[in-house]
Amino acid sequence: TSGSVTLQAPAVAGSTVLTLPAQTGTVMVNGPAFSAYQSTLQALPVNTYTKILFQTEEFDTNNNYDTATSRFTPTVAGYYQVNACYQITPTACQLVCAVYKNGAAYKYGGVSTSSLLAHVSAIVFCNGSTDYIEIFTSTTTAQNSLAGIATTYFQAAMIRGA
């Protein structure tokens, strides 16, 4: 009668209770998540939005990240926290890091100082069937991105179902 379903562990000290809202379809407690990083240096041209390549997976809980295309295509509809960062060779310039959804710019981040790191963070709704996410960059001088798990990465995790 309350409109929710409650799963409860046996009543023992330290037990926890999970309450799920009434909802049709699949309720996911743990949604898709991945982390990938660039393992090979990439040349970045001047003033041209270029897809950053993230060739190595750190983890991929639902096989939604494709290292061949550097594309995240979640198969579960919902809201995803997307994070990306890249580091360049040490040259002062303006850096833009962008989340692209379905081939079009969606959210921008970056720096316009001599910092060597650019990053972007966004919450993105994905429909669970055709939406995909990629990361692009643009610089005001020719650069090389620096490969590495700590410096050039792309991550996403489901934070809420549709």
C-alpha atoms as a PDB file:
ATOM      1  CA  THR A   1       0.000   0.000   0.000  1.00  0.00           C
ATOM      2  CA  SER A   2       3.001   2.308   0.401  1.00  0.00           C
ATOM      3  CA  GLY A   3       4.063   2.142  -3.265  1.00  0.00           C
ATOM      4  CA  SER A   4       7.491   0.670  -2.444  1.00  0.00           C
ATOM      5  CA  VAL A   5       9.043  -2.726  -1.874  1.00  0.00           C
ATOM      6  CA  THR A   6      11.403  -3.261   1.042  1.00  0.00           C
ATOM      7  CA  LEU A   7      14.031  -6.003   1.187  1.00  0.00           C
ATOM      8  CA  GLN A   8      15.263  -6.594   4.670  1.00  0.00           C
ATOM      9  CA  ALA A   9      18.024  -8.803   6.036  1.00  0.00           C
ATOM     10  CA  PRO A  10      17.317 -10.926   9.117  1.00  0.00           C
ATOM     11  CA  ALA A  11      17.099  -8.811  12.252  1.00  0.00           C
ATOM     12  CA  VAL A  12      20.655  -8.990  13.565  1.00  0.00           C
ATOM     13  CA  ALA A  13      22.952  -6.344  14.960  1.00  0.00           C
ATOM     14  CA  GLY A  14      24.331  -4.110  12.220  1.00  0.00           C
ATOM     15  CA  SER A  15      21.866  -5.230   9.550  1.00  0.00           C
ATOM     16  CA  THR A  16      20.855  -2.790   6.806  1.00  0.00           C
ATOM     17  CA  VAL A  17      17.603  -2.135   4.969  1.00  0.00           C
ATOM     18  CA  LEU A  18      17.284  -1.346   1.264  1.00  0.00           C
ATOM     19  CA  THR A  19      14.075   0.409   0.186  1.00  0.00           C
ATOM     20  CA  LEU A  20      13.303   0.589  -3.543  1.00  0.00           C
ATOM     21  CA  PRO A  21      10.695   2.918  -5.061  1.00  0.00           C
ATOM     22  CA  ALA A  22       7.705   1.507  -6.958  1.00  0.00           C
ATOM     23  CA  GLN A  23       8.800   1.363 -10.584  1.00  0.00           C
ATOM     24  CA  THR A  24       8.106  -0.583 -13.743  1.00  0.00           C
ATOM     25  CA  GLY A  25      10.965  -2.252 -15.589  1.00  0.00           C
ATOM     26  CA  THR A  26      14.327  -3.251 -14.199  1.00  0.00           C
ATOM     27  CA  VAL A  27      15.577  -1.763 -10.947  1.00  0.00           C
ATOM     28  CA  MET A  28      19.373  -1.751 -10.847  1.00  0.00           C
ATOM     29  CA  VAL A  29      21.150  -1.324  -7.562  1.00  0.00           C
ATOM     30  CA  ASN A  30      24.536  -1.416  -9.277  1.00  0.00           C
ATOM     31  CA  GLY A  31      24.466   0.173 -12.734  1.00  0.00           C
ATOM     32  CA  PRO A  32      27.080   0.141 -15.473  1.00  0.00           C
ATOM     33  CA  ALA A  33      30.432   1.770 -14.755  1.00  0.00           C
ATOM     34  CA  PHE A  34      33.787   1.885 -16.511  1.00  0.00           C
ATOM     35  CA  SER A  35      37.174   3.546 -16.420  1.00  0.00           C
ATOM     36  CA  ALA A  36      39.589   3.656 -19.359  1.00  0.00           C
ATOM     37  CA  TYR A  37      42.842   5.476 -19.957  1.00  0.00           C
ATOM     38  CA  GLN A  38      45.143   6.425 -22.770  1.00  0.00           C
ATOM     39  CA  SER A  39      48.062   4.033 -23.112  1.00  0.00           C
ATOM     40  CA  THR A  40      49.654   5.554 -26.244  1.00  0.00           C
ATOM     41  CA  LEU A  41      50.674   9.169 -26.836  1.00  0.00           C
ATOM     42  CA  GLN A  42      48.286  10.988 -29.224  1.00  0.00           C
ATOM     43  CA  ALA A  43      49.078  13.983 -31.445  1.00  0.00           C
ATOM     44  CA  LEU A  44      46.513  16.776 -31.126  1.00  0.00           C
ATOM     45  CA  PRO A  45      46.199  19.295 -33.987  1.00  0.00           C
ATOM     46  CA  VAL A  46      45.643  23.047 -33.565  1.00  0.00           C
ATOM     47  CA  ASN A  47      42.062  24.363 -33.143  1.00  0.00           C
ATOM     48  CA  THR A  48      40.417  21.129 -34.296  1.00  0.00           C
ATOM     49  CA  TYR A  49      38.119  19.099 -32.095  1.00  0.00           C
ATOM     50  CA  THR A  50      39.710  15.667 -31.986  1.00  0.00           C
ATOM     51  CA  LYS A  51      38.444  12.533 -30.266  1.00  0.00           C
ATOM     52  CA  ILE A  52      40.750  11.500 -27.447  1.00  0.00           C
ATOM     53  CA  LEU A  53      41.600   7.804 -27.585  1.00  0.00           C
ATOM     54  CA  PHE A  54      41.408   5.751 -24.407  1.00  0.00           C
ATOM     55  CA  GLN A  55      42.772   2.342 -25.427  1.00  0.00           C
ATOM     56  CA  THR A  56      43.031   0.497 -22.118  1.00  0.00           C
ATOM     57  CA  GLU A  57      40.229  -0.430 -19.709  1.00  0.00           C
ATOM     58  CA  GLU A  58      40.816  -0.240 -16.000  1.00  0.00           C
ATOM     59  CA  PHE A  59      37.386  -1.819 -15.412  1.00  0.00           C
ATOM     60  CA  ASP A  60      34.092  -2.202 -17.282  1.00  0.00           C
ATOM     61  CA  THR A  61      31.299  -3.718 -15.181  1.00  0.00           C
ATOM     62  CA  ASN A  62      28.804  -4.274 -18.017  1.00  0.00           C
ATOM     63  CA  ASN A  63      30.918  -4.348 -21.230  1.00  0.00           C
ATOM     64  CA  ASN A  64      29.596  -0.937 -22.320  1.00  0.00           C
ATOM     65  CA  TYR A  65      32.963   0.629 -23.190  1.00  0.00           C
ATOM     66  CA  ASP A  66      34.622  -0.140 -26.536  1.00  0.00           C
ATOM     67  CA  THR A  67      38.402   0.366 -26.584  1.00  0.00           C
ATOM     68  CA  ALA A  68      38.459   0.189 -30.413  1.00  0.00           C
ATOM     69  CA  THR A  69      36.198   3.262 -30.748  1.00  0.00           C
ATOM     70  CA  SER A  70      36.829   4.954 -27.346  1.00  0.00           C
ATOM     71  CA  ARG A  71      33.047   5.062 -26.954  1.00  0.00           C
ATOM     72  CA  PHE A  72      30.766   4.402 -23.968  1.00  0.00           C
ATOM     73  CA  THR A  73      27.348   3.028 -24.974  1.00  0.00           C
ATOM     74  CA  PRO A  74      25.336   2.189 -21.850  1.00  0.00           C
ATOM     75  CA  THR A  75      22.656  -0.465 -22.244  1.00  0.00           C
ATOM     76  CA  VAL A  76      20.706   0.664 -19.207  1.00  0.00           C
ATOM     77  CA  ALA A  77      18.673   3.898 -19.403  1.00  0.00           C
ATOM     78  CA  GLY A  78      19.560   6.406 -16.749  1.00  0.00           C
ATOM     79  CA  TYR A  79      21.702   9.304 -15.607  1.00  0.00           C
ATOM     80  CA  TYR A  80      25.475   8.881 -15.779  1.00  0.00           C
ATOM     81  CA  GLN A  81      28.268  10.808 -14.103  1.00  0.00           C
ATOM     82  CA  VAL A  82      30.900  11.282 -16.816  1.00  0.00           C
ATOM     83  CA  ASN A  83      34.470  12.407 -16.037  1.00  0.00           C
ATOM     84  CA  ALA A  84      37.440  12.915 -18.310  1.00  0.00           C
ATOM     85  CA  CYS A  85      40.902  14.398 -17.988  1.00  0.00           C
ATOM     86  CA  TYR A  86      43.922  14.672 -20.228  1.00  0.00           C
ATOM     87  CA  GLN A  87      47.425  15.974 -19.846  1.00  0.00           C
ATOM     88  CA  ILE A  88      49.534  17.537 -22.593  1.00  0.00           C
ATOM     89  CA  THR A  89      53.200  18.176 -23.215  1.00  0.00           C
ATOM     90  CA  PRO A  90      54.367  21.315 -21.384  1.00  0.00           C
ATOM     91  CA  THR A  91      53.378  24.218 -23.629  1.00  0.00           C
ATOM     92  CA  ALA A  92      51.146  27.119 -22.620  1.00  0.00           C
ATOM     93  CA  CYS A  93      47.886  27.176 -24.583  1.00  0.00           C
ATOM     94  CA  GLN A  94      44.128  27.093 -24.208  1.00  0.00           C
ATOM     95  CA  LEU A  95      42.747  23.581 -23.686  1.00  0.00           C
ATOM     96  CA  VAL A  96      39.151  22.462 -24.089  1.00  0.00           C
ATOM     97  CA  CYS A  97      37.896  19.058 -23.021  1.00  0.00           C
ATOM     98  CA  ALA A  98      34.369  18.193 -24.146  1.00  0.00           C
ATOM     99  CA  VAL A  99      31.803  15.479 -23.526  1.00  0.00           C
ATOM    100  CA  TYR A 100      30.149  14.531 -26.813  1.00  0.00           C
ATOM    101  CA  LYS A 101      26.784  12.758 -26.841  1.00  0.00           C
ATOM    102  CA  ASN A 102      25.748  11.006 -30.057  1.00  0.00           C
ATOM    103  CA  GLY A 103      28.457  12.797 -32.042  1.00  0.00           C
ATOM    104  CA  ALA A 104      27.652  16.352 -30.898  1.00  0.00           C
ATOM    105  CA  ALA A 105      29.204  18.580 -28.224  1.00  0.00           C
ATOM    106  CA  TYR A 106      27.231  18.276 -24.977  1.00  0.00           C
ATOM    107  CA  LYS A 107      29.322  19.827 -22.152  1.00  0.00           C
ATOM    108  CA  TYR A 108      32.642  21.668 -22.106  1.00  0.00           C
ATOM    109  CA  GLY A 109      35.447  21.927 -19.582  1.00  0.00           C
ATOM    110  CA  GLY A 110      39.104  22.896 -19.749  1.00  0.00           C
ATOM    111  CA  VAL A 111      41.601  25.587 -18.845  1.00  0.00           C
ATOM    112  CA  SER A 112      43.015  28.725 -20.450  1.00  0.00           C
ATOM    113  CA  THR A 113      46.296  29.049 -18.573  1.00  0.00           C
ATOM    114  CA  SER A 114      49.642  27.296 -18.670  1.00  0.00           C
ATOM    115  CA  SER A 115      48.154  24.343 -16.785  1.00  0.00           C
ATOM    116  CA  LEU A 116      48.980  21.006 -18.356  1.00  0.00           C
ATOM    117  CA  LEU A 117      45.672  19.326 -17.449  1.00  0.00           C
ATOM    118  CA  ALA A 118      42.174  19.773 -18.848  1.00  0.00           C
ATOM    119  CA  HIS A 119      39.131  18.072 -17.414  1.00  0.00           C
ATOM    120  CA  VAL A 120      35.376  17.906 -17.767  1.00  0.00           C
ATOM    121  CA  SER A 121      32.631  16.461 -15.600  1.00  0.00           C
ATOM    122  CA  ALA A 122      28.932  16.199 -16.443  1.00  0.00           C
ATOM    123  CA  ILE A 123      25.769  14.282 -15.671  1.00  0.00           C
ATOM    124  CA  VAL A 124      24.395  12.860 -18.913  1.00  0.00           C
ATOM    125  CA  PHE A 125      21.081  11.098 -19.541  1.00  0.00           C
ATOM    126  CA  CYS A 126      21.424   8.051 -21.804  1.00  0.00           C
ATOM    127  CA  ASN A 127      18.439   6.141 -23.203  1.00  0.00           C
ATOM    128  CA  GLY A 128      20.025   2.694 -22.785  1.00  0.00           C
ATOM    129  CA  SER A 129      19.833   1.751 -26.454  1.00  0.00           C
ATOM    130  CA  THR A 130      21.258   4.276 -28.939  1.00  0.00           C
ATOM    131  CA  ASP A 131      22.958   7.027 -26.911  1.00  0.00           C
ATOM    132  CA  TYR A 132      26.750   7.026 -26.698  1.00  0.00           C
ATOM    133  CA  ILE A 133      29.404   9.213 -25.087  1.00  0.00           C
ATOM    134  CA  GLU A 134      32.862  10.196 -26.335  1.00  0.00           C
ATOM    135  CA  ILE A 135      35.497  12.739 -25.272  1.00  0.00           C
ATOM    136  CA  PHE A 136      36.948  15.359 -27.637  1.00  0.00           C
ATOM    137  CA  THR A 137      39.550  18.067 -27.187  1.00  0.00           C
ATOM    138  CA  SER A 138      40.816  21.202 -28.865  1.00  0.00           C
ATOM    139  CA  THR A 139      44.048  23.119 -28.231  1.00  0.00           C
ATOM    140  CA  THR A 140      45.340  26.451 -29.504  1.00  0.00           C
ATOM    141  CA  THR A 141      48.810  25.007 -30.228  1.00  0.00           C
ATOM    142  CA  ALA A 142      49.850  21.600 -31.578  1.00  0.00           C
ATOM    143  CA  GLN A 143      50.245  19.241 -28.639  1.00  0.00           C
ATOM    144  CA  ASN A 144      50.793  15.647 -27.691  1.00  0.00           C
ATOM    145  CA  SER A 145      48.585  14.152 -25.013  1.00  0.00           C
ATOM    146  CA  LEU A 146      50.453  12.215 -22.377  1.00  0.00           C
ATOM    147  CA  ALA A 147      49.374   8.637 -21.886  1.00  0.00           C
ATOM    148  CA  GLY A 148      48.824   7.239 -18.412  1.00  0.00           C
ATOM    149  CA  ILE A 149      46.230   5.891 -16.011  1.00  0.00           C
ATOM    150  CA  ALA A 150      46.512   8.945 -13.721  1.00  0.00           C
ATOM    151  CA  THR A 151      46.621  11.710 -16.351  1.00  0.00           C
ATOM    152  CA  THR A 152      44.498  10.896 -19.409  1.00  0.00           C
ATOM    153  CA  TYR A 153      41.310   9.032 -18.532  1.00  0.00           C
ATOM    154  CA  PHE A 154      37.587   8.685 -19.287  1.00  0.00           C
ATOM    155  CA  GLN A 155      35.091   7.323 -16.752  1.00  0.00           C
ATOM    156  CA  ALA A 156      31.352   6.998 -16.352  1.00  0.00           C
ATOM    157  CA  ALA A 157      29.045   5.432 -13.805  1.00  0.00           C
ATOM    158  CA  MET A 158      25.270   5.199 -13.549  1.00  0.00           C
ATOM    159  CA  ILE A 159      24.040   7.359 -10.684  1.00  0.00           C
ATOM    160  CA  ARG A 160      20.265   6.962 -11.158  1.00  0.00           C
ATOM    161  CA  GLY A 161      17.960   4.898 -13.332  1.00  0.00           C
ATOM    162  CA  ALA A 162      15.618   6.495 -15.853  1.00  0.00           C
END
